Amino acid sequence: MITNNWSDAVIPYQEQTSSINWDEFEVSGVGAEKVVKEGRTSWARVVEETQVSNAVILGGLITAAAAVTAGALYRRSLRGLVKQR
């Protein structure tokens, strides 16, 4: 079973939960006055997705496909040389 505390993708969830509006809470205790004066506390989103661009991934796939194709063509040409002799 997969359970989540949100119904959307991770990035929108992180954007929605990346700050606290202290006016929406009853704040008490030692630092309450300072927090209430701030009004809102925000922090940067945690980046979990890959740092490799789609272009780099696509380039790698194209290079791999070209290498496989070249290998197959080279192998066929060797078979042809062997059959000619």
PDB file of N, CA and C in Angstrom:
ATOM      1  N   MET A   1       0.835  -1.168   0.000  1.00  0.00           N
ATOM      2  CA  MET A   1       0.000   0.000   0.000  1.00  0.00           C
ATOM      3  C   MET A   1       0.891   1.246   0.000  1.00  0.00           C
ATOM      4  N   ILE A   2       0.547   2.219  -0.826  1.00  0.00           N
ATOM      5  CA  ILE A   2       1.268   3.490  -0.883  1.00  0.00           C
ATOM      6  C   ILE A   2       0.381   4.551  -0.240  1.00  0.00           C
ATOM      7  N   THR A   3       0.925   5.242   0.738  1.00  0.00           N
ATOM      8  CA  THR A   3       0.158   6.315   1.383  1.00  0.00           C
ATOM      9  C   THR A   3       0.903   7.634   1.250  1.00  0.00           C
ATOM     10  N   ASN A   4       0.165   8.690   1.070  1.00  0.00           N
ATOM     11  CA  ASN A   4       0.725  10.045   0.960  1.00  0.00           C
ATOM     12  C   ASN A   4      -0.068  10.973   1.859  1.00  0.00           C
ATOM     13  N   ASN A   5       0.520  12.077   2.222  1.00  0.00           N
ATOM     14  CA  ASN A   5      -0.237  13.110   2.919  1.00  0.00           C
ATOM     15  C   ASN A   5      -0.583  14.252   1.976  1.00  0.00           C
ATOM     16  N   TRP A   6      -0.459  14.014   0.673  1.00  0.00           N
ATOM     17  CA  TRP A   6      -0.856  14.990  -0.347  1.00  0.00           C
ATOM     18  C   TRP A   6      -1.337  14.221  -1.564  1.00  0.00           C
ATOM     19  N   SER A   7      -2.082  14.885  -2.405  1.00  0.00           N
ATOM     20  CA  SER A   7      -2.678  14.189  -3.555  1.00  0.00           C
ATOM     21  C   SER A   7      -2.078  14.614  -4.883  1.00  0.00           C
ATOM     22  N   ASP A   8      -0.992  15.343  -4.849  1.00  0.00           N
ATOM     23  CA  ASP A   8      -0.401  15.868  -6.071  1.00  0.00           C
ATOM     24  C   ASP A   8       1.053  15.402  -6.144  1.00  0.00           C
ATOM     25  N   ALA A   9       1.800  15.943  -7.074  1.00  0.00           N
ATOM     26  CA  ALA A   9       3.218  15.624  -7.214  1.00  0.00           C
ATOM     27  C   ALA A   9       4.016  16.270  -6.076  1.00  0.00           C
ATOM     28  N   VAL A  10       5.258  15.869  -5.926  1.00  0.00           N
ATOM     29  CA  VAL A  10       6.105  16.336  -4.832  1.00  0.00           C
ATOM     30  C   VAL A  10       6.388  17.833  -4.927  1.00  0.00           C
ATOM     31  N   ILE A  11       6.684  18.329  -6.115  1.00  0.00           N
ATOM     32  CA  ILE A  11       7.070  19.741  -6.250  1.00  0.00           C
ATOM     33  C   ILE A  11       5.940  20.681  -5.824  1.00  0.00           C
ATOM     34  N   PRO A  12       4.698  20.505  -6.287  1.00  0.00           N
ATOM     35  CA  PRO A  12       3.627  21.388  -5.790  1.00  0.00           C
ATOM     36  C   PRO A  12       3.437  21.271  -4.275  1.00  0.00           C
ATOM     37  N   TYR A  13       3.584  20.068  -3.744  1.00  0.00           N
ATOM     38  CA  TYR A  13       3.462  19.888  -2.295  1.00  0.00           C
ATOM     39  C   TYR A  13       4.543  20.675  -1.559  1.00  0.00           C
ATOM     40  N   GLN A  14       5.773  20.581  -2.044  1.00  0.00           N
ATOM     41  CA  GLN A  14       6.860  21.305  -1.396  1.00  0.00           C
ATOM     42  C   GLN A  14       6.651  22.815  -1.497  1.00  0.00           C
ATOM     43  N   GLU A  15       6.139  23.278  -2.624  1.00  0.00           N
ATOM     44  CA  GLU A  15       5.872  24.713  -2.775  1.00  0.00           C
ATOM     45  C   GLU A  15       4.794  25.173  -1.791  1.00  0.00           C
ATOM     46  N   GLN A  16       3.768  24.337  -1.618  1.00  0.00           N
ATOM     47  CA  GLN A  16       2.672  24.705  -0.716  1.00  0.00           C
ATOM     48  C   GLN A  16       3.097  24.653   0.752  1.00  0.00           C
ATOM     49  N   THR A  17       4.059  23.837   1.076  1.00  0.00           N
ATOM     50  CA  THR A  17       4.475  23.689   2.475  1.00  0.00           C
ATOM     51  C   THR A  17       5.832  24.335   2.754  1.00  0.00           C
ATOM     52  N   SER A  18       6.279  25.222   1.878  1.00  0.00           N
ATOM     53  CA  SER A  18       7.605  25.822   2.038  1.00  0.00           C
ATOM     54  C   SER A  18       7.611  27.069   2.918  1.00  0.00           C
ATOM     55  N   SER A  19       6.481  27.396   3.512  1.00  0.00           N
ATOM     56  CA  SER A  19       6.448  28.545   4.418  1.00  0.00           C
ATOM     57  C   SER A  19       5.326  28.366   5.440  1.00  0.00           C
ATOM     58  N   ILE A  20       5.481  29.087   6.528  1.00  0.00           N
ATOM     59  CA  ILE A  20       4.467  29.086   7.589  1.00  0.00           C
ATOM     60  C   ILE A  20       4.017  30.518   7.795  1.00  0.00           C
ATOM     61  N   ASN A  21       2.708  30.735   7.734  1.00  0.00           N
ATOM     62  CA  ASN A  21       2.136  32.036   8.047  1.00  0.00           C
ATOM     63  C   ASN A  21       1.738  31.982   9.523  1.00  0.00           C
ATOM     64  N   TRP A  22       2.511  32.653  10.377  1.00  0.00           N
ATOM     65  CA  TRP A  22       2.309  32.556  11.824  1.00  0.00           C
ATOM     66  C   TRP A  22       0.998  33.190  12.269  1.00  0.00           C
ATOM     67  N   ASP A  23       0.375  34.021  11.431  1.00  0.00           N
ATOM     68  CA  ASP A  23      -0.925  34.595  11.788  1.00  0.00           C
ATOM     69  C   ASP A  23      -2.014  33.530  11.853  1.00  0.00           C
ATOM     70  N   GLU A  24      -1.765  32.383  11.251  1.00  0.00           N
ATOM     71  CA  GLU A  24      -2.752  31.305  11.233  1.00  0.00           C
ATOM     72  C   GLU A  24      -2.656  30.407  12.468  1.00  0.00           C
ATOM     73  N   PHE A  25      -1.736  30.699  13.381  1.00  0.00           N
ATOM     74  CA  PHE A  25      -1.524  29.861  14.557  1.00  0.00           C
ATOM     75  C   PHE A  25      -1.565  30.683  15.833  1.00  0.00           C
ATOM     76  N   GLU A  26      -1.884  30.012  16.906  1.00  0.00           N
ATOM     77  CA  GLU A  26      -1.741  30.613  18.231  1.00  0.00           C
ATOM     78  C   GLU A  26      -0.332  30.298  18.682  1.00  0.00           C
ATOM     79  N   VAL A  27       0.488  31.316  18.795  1.00  0.00           N
ATOM     80  CA  VAL A  27       1.886  31.119  19.134  1.00  0.00           C
ATOM     81  C   VAL A  27       2.107  31.587  20.565  1.00  0.00           C
ATOM     82  N   SER A  28       2.747  30.730  21.358  1.00  0.00           N
ATOM     83  CA  SER A  28       3.044  31.110  22.741  1.00  0.00           C
ATOM     84  C   SER A  28       4.407  30.551  23.122  1.00  0.00           C
ATOM     85  N   GLY A  29       4.929  31.031  24.200  1.00  0.00           N
ATOM     86  CA  GLY A  29       6.208  30.544  24.675  1.00  0.00           C
ATOM     87  C   GLY A  29       7.285  31.598  24.574  1.00  0.00           C
ATOM     88  N   VAL A  30       8.532  31.172  24.775  1.00  0.00           N
ATOM     89  CA  VAL A  30       9.669  32.078  24.886  1.00  0.00           C
ATOM     90  C   VAL A  30       9.867  32.922  23.626  1.00  0.00           C
ATOM     91  N   GLY A  31       9.807  32.347  22.445  1.00  0.00           N
ATOM     92  CA  GLY A  31      10.090  33.083  21.218  1.00  0.00           C
ATOM     93  C   GLY A  31       8.858  33.568  20.486  1.00  0.00           C
ATOM     94  N   ALA A  32       7.706  33.501  21.124  1.00  0.00           N
ATOM     95  CA  ALA A  32       6.453  33.817  20.447  1.00  0.00           C
ATOM     96  C   ALA A  32       6.424  35.218  19.863  1.00  0.00           C
ATOM     97  N   GLU A  33       6.887  36.203  20.609  1.00  0.00           N
ATOM     98  CA  GLU A  33       6.830  37.588  20.138  1.00  0.00           C
ATOM     99  C   GLU A  33       7.649  37.784  18.866  1.00  0.00           C
ATOM    100  N   LYS A  34       8.832  37.204  18.853  1.00  0.00           N
ATOM    101  CA  LYS A  34       9.700  37.320  17.675  1.00  0.00           C
ATOM    102  C   LYS A  34       9.066  36.659  16.456  1.00  0.00           C
ATOM    103  N   VAL A  35       8.511  35.476  16.648  1.00  0.00           N
ATOM    104  CA  VAL A  35       7.896  34.722  15.542  1.00  0.00           C
ATOM    105  C   VAL A  35       6.693  35.475  14.985  1.00  0.00           C
ATOM    106  N   VAL A  36       5.864  36.003  15.872  1.00  0.00           N
ATOM    107  CA  VAL A  36       4.669  36.722  15.426  1.00  0.00           C
ATOM    108  C   VAL A  36       5.059  37.979  14.652  1.00  0.00           C
ATOM    109  N   LYS A  37       6.134  38.656  15.062  1.00  0.00           N
ATOM    110  CA  LYS A  37       6.609  39.839  14.338  1.00  0.00           C
ATOM    111  C   LYS A  37       7.063  39.484  12.924  1.00  0.00           C
ATOM    112  N   GLU A  38       7.696  38.322  12.791  1.00  0.00           N
ATOM    113  CA  GLU A  38       8.142  37.870  11.456  1.00  0.00           C
ATOM    114  C   GLU A  38       6.965  37.758  10.508  1.00  0.00           C
ATOM    115  N   GLY A  39       5.877  37.242  10.993  1.00  0.00           N
ATOM    116  CA  GLY A  39       4.685  37.077  10.174  1.00  0.00           C
ATOM    117  C   GLY A  39       4.697  35.810   9.334  1.00  0.00           C
ATOM    118  N   ARG A  40       5.822  35.548   8.691  1.00  0.00           N
ATOM    119  CA  ARG A  40       5.906  34.374   7.810  1.00  0.00           C
ATOM    120  C   ARG A  40       7.344  33.868   7.828  1.00  0.00           C
ATOM    121  N   THR A  41       7.499  32.567   7.881  1.00  0.00           N
ATOM    122  CA  THR A  41       8.815  31.933   7.808  1.00  0.00           C
ATOM    123  C   THR A  41       8.840  31.065   6.557  1.00  0.00           C
ATOM    124  N   SER A  42       9.868  31.224   5.742  1.00  0.00           N
ATOM    125  CA  SER A  42       9.992  30.449   4.495  1.00  0.00           C
ATOM    126  C   SER A  42      11.344  29.755   4.442  1.00  0.00           C
ATOM    127  N   TRP A  43      11.423  28.698   3.655  1.00  0.00           N
ATOM    128  CA  TRP A  43      12.675  28.002   3.431  1.00  0.00           C
ATOM    129  C   TRP A  43      12.694  27.485   2.005  1.00  0.00           C
ATOM    130  N   ALA A  44      13.883  27.207   1.530  1.00  0.00           N
ATOM    131  CA  ALA A  44      14.045  26.763   0.137  1.00  0.00           C
ATOM    132  C   ALA A  44      13.518  25.346  -0.048  1.00  0.00           C
ATOM    133  N   ARG A  45      13.066  25.076  -1.236  1.00  0.00           N
ATOM    134  CA  ARG A  45      12.567  23.751  -1.585  1.00  0.00           C
ATOM    135  C   ARG A  45      13.727  22.770  -1.693  1.00  0.00           C
ATOM    136  N   VAL A  46      13.533  21.563  -1.208  1.00  0.00           N
ATOM    137  CA  VAL A  46      14.530  20.506  -1.347  1.00  0.00           C
ATOM    138  C   VAL A  46      14.455  19.989  -2.780  1.00  0.00           C
ATOM    139  N   VAL A  47      15.580  19.963  -3.463  1.00  0.00           N
ATOM    140  CA  VAL A  47      15.610  19.500  -4.848  1.00  0.00           C
ATOM    141  C   VAL A  47      15.922  18.017  -4.853  1.00  0.00           C
ATOM    142  N   GLU A  48      14.947  17.216  -5.260  1.00  0.00           N
ATOM    143  CA  GLU A  48      15.116  15.769  -5.263  1.00  0.00           C
ATOM    144  C   GLU A  48      15.263  15.201  -6.670  1.00  0.00           C
ATOM    145  N   GLU A  49      14.868  15.976  -7.654  1.00  0.00           N
ATOM    146  CA  GLU A  49      14.944  15.455  -9.010  1.00  0.00           C
ATOM    147  C   GLU A  49      16.389  15.485  -9.520  1.00  0.00           C
ATOM    148  N   THR A  50      16.618  14.797 -10.608  1.00  0.00           N
ATOM    149  CA  THR A  50      17.971  14.676 -11.146  1.00  0.00           C
ATOM    150  C   THR A  50      18.538  16.033 -11.546  1.00  0.00           C
ATOM    151  N   GLN A  51      19.834  16.183 -11.399  1.00  0.00           N
ATOM    152  CA  GLN A  51      20.504  17.422 -11.785  1.00  0.00           C
ATOM    153  C   GLN A  51      21.043  17.323 -13.222  1.00  0.00           C
ATOM    154  N   VAL A  52      20.792  16.204 -13.877  1.00  0.00           N
ATOM    155  CA  VAL A  52      21.222  16.003 -15.256  1.00  0.00           C
ATOM    156  C   VAL A  52      20.077  16.456 -16.161  1.00  0.00           C
ATOM    157  N   SER A  53      20.388  17.285 -17.132  1.00  0.00           N
ATOM    158  CA  SER A  53      19.333  17.808 -17.999  1.00  0.00           C
ATOM    159  C   SER A  53      18.816  16.734 -18.951  1.00  0.00           C
ATOM    160  N   ASN A  54      17.626  16.955 -19.455  1.00  0.00           N
ATOM    161  CA  ASN A  54      17.037  16.033 -20.432  1.00  0.00           C
ATOM    162  C   ASN A  54      17.888  15.960 -21.690  1.00  0.00           C
ATOM    163  N   ALA A  55      18.532  17.069 -22.059  1.00  0.00           N
ATOM    164  CA  ALA A  55      19.374  17.088 -23.251  1.00  0.00           C
ATOM    165  C   ALA A  55      20.568  16.146 -23.084  1.00  0.00           C
ATOM    166  N   VAL A  56      21.149  16.127 -21.889  1.00  0.00           N
ATOM    167  CA  VAL A  56      22.286  15.231 -21.635  1.00  0.00           C
ATOM    168  C   VAL A  56      21.834  13.774 -21.683  1.00  0.00           C
ATOM    169  N   ILE A  57      20.683  13.478 -21.090  1.00  0.00           N
ATOM    170  CA  ILE A  57      20.157  12.113 -21.117  1.00  0.00           C
ATOM    171  C   ILE A  57      19.871  11.689 -22.553  1.00  0.00           C
ATOM    172  N   LEU A  58      19.229  12.563 -23.327  1.00  0.00           N
ATOM    173  CA  LEU A  58      18.924  12.261 -24.728  1.00  0.00           C
ATOM    174  C   LEU A  58      20.208  12.058 -25.529  1.00  0.00           C
ATOM    175  N   GLY A  59      21.207  12.905 -25.288  1.00  0.00           N
ATOM    176  CA  GLY A  59      22.489  12.757 -25.980  1.00  0.00           C
ATOM    177  C   GLY A  59      23.132  11.407 -25.679  1.00  0.00           C
ATOM    178  N   GLY A  60      23.054  10.976 -24.431  1.00  0.00           N
ATOM    179  CA  GLY A  60      23.592   9.663 -24.058  1.00  0.00           C
ATOM    180  C   GLY A  60      22.858   8.530 -24.745  1.00  0.00           C
ATOM    181  N   LEU A  61      21.543   8.640 -24.821  1.00  0.00           N
ATOM    182  CA  LEU A  61      20.758   7.599 -25.502  1.00  0.00           C
ATOM    183  C   LEU A  61      21.080   7.546 -26.994  1.00  0.00           C
ATOM    184  N   ILE A  62      21.224   8.719 -27.612  1.00  0.00           N
ATOM    185  CA  ILE A  62      21.559   8.767 -29.043  1.00  0.00           C
ATOM    186  C   ILE A  62      22.941   8.174 -29.280  1.00  0.00           C
ATOM    187  N   THR A  63      23.893   8.519 -28.409  1.00  0.00           N
ATOM    188  CA  THR A  63      25.251   7.977 -28.540  1.00  0.00           C
ATOM    189  C   THR A  63      25.246   6.460 -28.393  1.00  0.00           C
ATOM    190  N   ALA A  64      24.487   5.953 -27.421  1.00  0.00           N
ATOM    191  CA  ALA A  64      24.408   4.505 -27.215  1.00  0.00           C
ATOM    192  C   ALA A  64      23.775   3.822 -28.422  1.00  0.00           C
ATOM    193  N   ALA A  65      22.716   4.413 -28.961  1.00  0.00           N
ATOM    194  CA  ALA A  65      22.060   3.829 -30.136  1.00  0.00           C
ATOM    195  C   ALA A  65      23.003   3.829 -31.337  1.00  0.00           C
ATOM    196  N   ALA A  66      23.762   4.906 -31.485  1.00  0.00           N
ATOM    197  CA  ALA A  66      24.719   4.975 -32.596  1.00  0.00           C
ATOM    198  C   ALA A  66      25.810   3.918 -32.432  1.00  0.00           C
ATOM    199  N   ALA A  67      26.277   3.694 -31.227  1.00  0.00           N
ATOM    200  CA  ALA A  67      27.309   2.685 -30.981  1.00  0.00           C
ATOM    201  C   ALA A  67      26.788   1.291 -31.282  1.00  0.00           C
ATOM    202  N   VAL A  68      25.560   1.001 -30.870  1.00  0.00           N
ATOM    203  CA  VAL A  68      24.967  -0.313 -31.154  1.00  0.00           C
ATOM    204  C   VAL A  68      24.797  -0.496 -32.654  1.00  0.00           C
ATOM    205  N   THR A  69      24.312   0.518 -33.341  1.00  0.00           N
ATOM    206  CA  THR A  69      24.124   0.448 -34.796  1.00  0.00           C
ATOM    207  C   THR A  69      25.462   0.245 -35.506  1.00  0.00           C
ATOM    208  N   ALA A  70      26.470   1.014 -35.091  1.00  0.00           N
ATOM    209  CA  ALA A  70      27.797   0.881 -35.701  1.00  0.00           C
ATOM    210  C   ALA A  70      28.355  -0.516 -35.468  1.00  0.00           C
ATOM    211  N   GLY A  71      28.171  -1.049 -34.261  1.00  0.00           N
ATOM    212  CA  GLY A  71      28.637  -2.402 -33.962  1.00  0.00           C
ATOM    213  C   GLY A  71      27.951  -3.440 -34.829  1.00  0.00           C
ATOM    214  N   ALA A  72      26.626  -3.283 -35.009  1.00  0.00           N
ATOM    215  CA  ALA A  72      25.885  -4.239 -35.842  1.00  0.00           C
ATOM    216  C   ALA A  72      26.343  -4.163 -37.292  1.00  0.00           C
ATOM    217  N   LEU A  73      26.533  -2.944 -37.810  1.00  0.00           N
ATOM    218  CA  LEU A  73      26.989  -2.800 -39.194  1.00  0.00           C
ATOM    219  C   LEU A  73      28.400  -3.353 -39.372  1.00  0.00           C
ATOM    220  N   TYR A  74      29.269  -3.109 -38.410  1.00  0.00           N
ATOM    221  CA  TYR A  74      30.635  -3.616 -38.466  1.00  0.00           C
ATOM    222  C   TYR A  74      30.633  -5.144 -38.444  1.00  0.00           C
ATOM    223  N   ARG A  75      29.782  -5.707 -37.615  1.00  0.00           N
ATOM    224  CA  ARG A  75      29.714  -7.167 -37.528  1.00  0.00           C
ATOM    225  C   ARG A  75      29.239  -7.767 -38.850  1.00  0.00           C
ATOM    226  N   ARG A  76      28.239  -7.121 -39.467  1.00  0.00           N
ATOM    227  CA  ARG A  76      27.767  -7.604 -40.771  1.00  0.00           C
ATOM    228  C   ARG A  76      28.871  -7.530 -41.816  1.00  0.00           C
ATOM    229  N   SER A  77      29.645  -6.453 -41.812  1.00  0.00           N
ATOM    230  CA  SER A  77      30.709  -6.299 -42.806  1.00  0.00           C
ATOM    231  C   SER A  77      31.778  -7.363 -42.602  1.00  0.00           C
ATOM    232  N   LEU A  78      32.049  -7.739 -41.358  1.00  0.00           N
ATOM    233  CA  LEU A  78      33.013  -8.810 -41.110  1.00  0.00           C
ATOM    234  C   LEU A  78      32.502 -10.143 -41.620  1.00  0.00           C
ATOM    235  N   ARG A  79      31.218 -10.394 -41.432  1.00  0.00           N
ATOM    236  CA  ARG A  79      30.630 -11.648 -41.944  1.00  0.00           C
ATOM    237  C   ARG A  79      30.758 -11.700 -43.465  1.00  0.00           C
ATOM    238  N   GLY A  80      30.523 -10.553 -44.098  1.00  0.00           N
ATOM    239  CA  GLY A  80      30.651 -10.511 -45.549  1.00  0.00           C
ATOM    240  C   GLY A  80      32.071 -10.775 -46.006  1.00  0.00           C
ATOM    241  N   LEU A  81      33.064 -10.261 -45.299  1.00  0.00           N
ATOM    242  CA  LEU A  81      34.459 -10.499 -45.646  1.00  0.00           C
ATOM    243  C   LEU A  81      34.818 -11.968 -45.473  1.00  0.00           C
ATOM    244  N   VAL A  82      34.327 -12.572 -44.408  1.00  0.00           N
ATOM    245  CA  VAL A  82      34.636 -13.975 -44.140  1.00  0.00           C
ATOM    246  C   VAL A  82      34.005 -14.866 -45.201  1.00  0.00           C
ATOM    247  N   LYS A  83      32.786 -14.565 -45.650  1.00  0.00           N
ATOM    248  CA  LYS A  83      32.114 -15.366 -46.651  1.00  0.00           C
ATOM    249  C   LYS A  83      32.781 -15.247 -48.016  1.00  0.00           C
ATOM    250  N   GLN A  84      33.402 -14.082 -48.317  1.00  0.00           N
ATOM    251  CA  GLN A  84      34.034 -13.889 -49.607  1.00  0.00           C
ATOM    252  C   GLN A  84      35.284 -14.728 -49.758  1.00  0.00           C
ATOM    253  N   ARG A  85      35.931 -15.046 -48.680  1.00  0.00           N
ATOM    254  CA  ARG A  85      37.206 -15.764 -48.775  1.00  0.00           C
ATOM    255  C   ARG A  85      37.003 -17.200 -48.980  1.00  0.00           C
TER     256      ARG A  85
END
